Amino acid sequence: MEIFDLMRLEAEGYENRNVNVFYKNDLFKTRVIVLEAGGKIPECQMESYVMFYVVKGEVLLKKNGESSILKENQVFITEPALLSMETTSGARAYGRSDQGSEIGGGFEWQP
C-alpha cells in the first residue's frame, strides 16, 4: 500500500513539471502542481476528465473561457475541456488525468 503526503512531496515549478509526477500507470497519471506567486499554466485542451485538488493557496481556473477560484481543500472535476490555471499568491495542488489525454498546451499529461 502506498500513501502520498501531498505537502511533503518534492516538487518543482511549471518549467520542470515532468519531475512532479508521483504516480502513473497505464490508465492515469498524478502530479503535484506548484505555482509560485504570479505563476500560470497556459491553455491546454484535455481529452478526458481531469481533477484538481488545491492543497495550499488558491488558483484561478479557466475552463472553456469561464473562470472560477479554487481554494484550499476544494476539488475541481471536469469533463474534457480547454483548461488553464494561474495564481497571484502561489499554490500547491494535485492533478489527475487519464494517460495521453492532452492534445497540446501546458498540462502535459502525455507519457
Protein backbone atom coordinates (compact mmCIF):
# COMPACT_ATOMS: atom_id res chain seq x y z
CA MET A 1 0.00 0.00 0.00
CA GLU A 2 1.33 3.45 -0.92
CA ILE A 3 0.24 6.64 0.84
CA PHE A 4 1.32 10.03 -0.52
CA ASP A 5 1.63 13.18 1.59
CA LEU A 6 0.89 15.98 -0.87
CA MET A 7 2.56 18.58 1.35
CA ARG A 8 5.81 16.63 1.67
CA LEU A 9 6.29 15.53 -1.92
CA GLU A 10 9.19 17.28 -3.62
CA ALA A 11 8.00 19.47 -6.47
CA GLU A 12 9.47 21.82 -9.00
CA GLY A 13 7.90 24.70 -10.88
CA TYR A 14 5.98 24.58 -14.13
CA GLU A 15 9.11 24.66 -16.28
CA ASN A 16 10.24 21.33 -14.78
CA ARG A 17 6.76 19.84 -14.30
CA ASN A 18 7.55 16.35 -15.60
CA VAL A 19 9.51 15.54 -12.43
CA ASN A 20 6.38 16.27 -10.37
CA VAL A 21 4.64 13.05 -11.41
CA PHE A 22 4.46 10.92 -8.29
CA TYR A 23 2.30 8.09 -9.62
CA LYS A 24 1.39 6.77 -13.05
CA ASN A 25 0.16 3.59 -14.63
CA ASP A 26 -1.42 2.65 -17.95
CA LEU A 27 -4.69 4.38 -17.00
CA PHE A 28 -3.84 7.65 -15.29
CA LYS A 29 -1.12 9.99 -14.08
CA THR A 30 -0.98 12.10 -10.90
CA ARG A 31 1.29 15.01 -10.17
CA VAL A 32 1.98 17.78 -7.72
CA ILE A 33 1.49 21.21 -9.26
CA VAL A 34 3.48 24.03 -7.67
CA LEU A 35 2.94 27.58 -8.89
CA GLU A 36 4.91 30.47 -7.43
CA ALA A 37 3.18 33.85 -6.95
CA GLY A 38 2.16 35.07 -10.40
CA GLY A 39 2.67 31.60 -11.89
CA LYS A 40 0.45 30.08 -14.55
CA ILE A 41 -0.15 27.06 -16.70
CA PRO A 42 -1.14 28.01 -20.25
CA GLU A 43 -4.26 26.77 -22.00
CA CYS A 44 -4.39 23.07 -22.72
CA GLN A 45 -7.10 21.02 -24.45
CA MET A 46 -7.71 17.95 -22.31
CA GLU A 47 -9.39 14.94 -23.90
CA SER A 48 -10.54 13.23 -20.71
CA TYR A 49 -11.95 14.05 -17.31
CA VAL A 50 -9.47 15.95 -15.14
CA MET A 51 -9.35 16.54 -11.39
CA PHE A 52 -7.52 19.24 -9.42
CA TYR A 53 -7.32 19.50 -5.63
CA VAL A 54 -5.76 22.58 -4.04
CA VAL A 55 -3.65 21.65 -1.03
CA LYS A 56 -2.39 25.17 -0.25
CA GLY A 57 -3.16 28.64 -1.62
CA GLU A 58 -5.68 29.29 -4.37
CA VAL A 59 -5.79 29.27 -8.15
CA LEU A 60 -7.88 30.89 -10.84
CA LEU A 61 -9.10 28.10 -13.11
CA LYS A 62 -10.33 28.75 -16.61
CA LYS A 63 -12.48 26.17 -18.35
CA ASN A 64 -13.58 26.90 -21.91
CA GLY A 65 -13.29 30.64 -21.18
CA GLU A 66 -15.25 30.51 -17.88
CA SER A 67 -13.27 31.47 -14.72
CA SER A 68 -13.59 30.36 -11.12
CA ILE A 69 -11.45 30.46 -7.97
CA LEU A 70 -10.41 27.11 -6.47
CA LYS A 71 -9.37 27.46 -2.81
CA GLU A 72 -7.58 25.21 -0.32
CA ASN A 73 -9.33 21.89 0.26
CA GLN A 74 -11.57 22.33 -2.79
CA VAL A 75 -11.74 19.87 -5.68
CA PHE A 76 -12.49 20.61 -9.33
CA ILE A 77 -13.55 17.79 -11.67
CA THR A 78 -14.33 18.45 -15.30
CA GLU A 79 -15.23 16.69 -18.48
CA PRO A 80 -12.87 17.19 -21.45
CA ALA A 81 -12.26 20.93 -21.82
CA LEU A 82 -9.83 23.73 -22.63
CA LEU A 83 -8.14 24.46 -19.27
CA SER A 84 -5.65 26.91 -17.78
CA MET A 85 -4.59 27.80 -14.25
CA GLU A 86 -2.91 30.79 -12.58
CA THR A 87 -2.28 32.17 -9.12
CA THR A 88 -1.46 35.57 -7.69
CA SER A 89 -0.22 34.36 -4.30
CA GLY A 90 1.21 30.92 -5.10
CA ALA A 91 -0.36 27.47 -4.78
CA ARG A 92 0.27 23.77 -4.35
CA ALA A 93 -2.23 21.41 -5.96
CA TYR A 94 -2.74 17.83 -7.06
CA GLY A 95 -3.76 16.98 -10.60
CA ARG A 96 -5.03 13.75 -12.12
CA SER A 97 -5.95 12.82 -15.68
CA ASP A 98 -6.08 9.81 -17.93
CA GLN A 99 -2.84 8.92 -19.68
CA GLY A 100 -2.48 10.52 -23.12
CA SER A 101 -5.41 12.87 -22.59
CA GLU A 102 -3.75 16.12 -23.64
CA ILE A 103 -3.88 17.49 -27.19
CA GLY A 104 -1.50 20.38 -26.64
CA GLY A 105 -0.59 23.10 -24.19
CA GLY A 106 0.64 23.39 -20.67
CA PHE A 107 -0.50 20.49 -18.54
CA GLU A 108 1.49 17.88 -20.48
CA TRP A 109 -0.21 14.77 -19.20
CA GLN A 110 1.16 12.68 -22.07
CA PRO A 111 3.69 9.99 -21.12
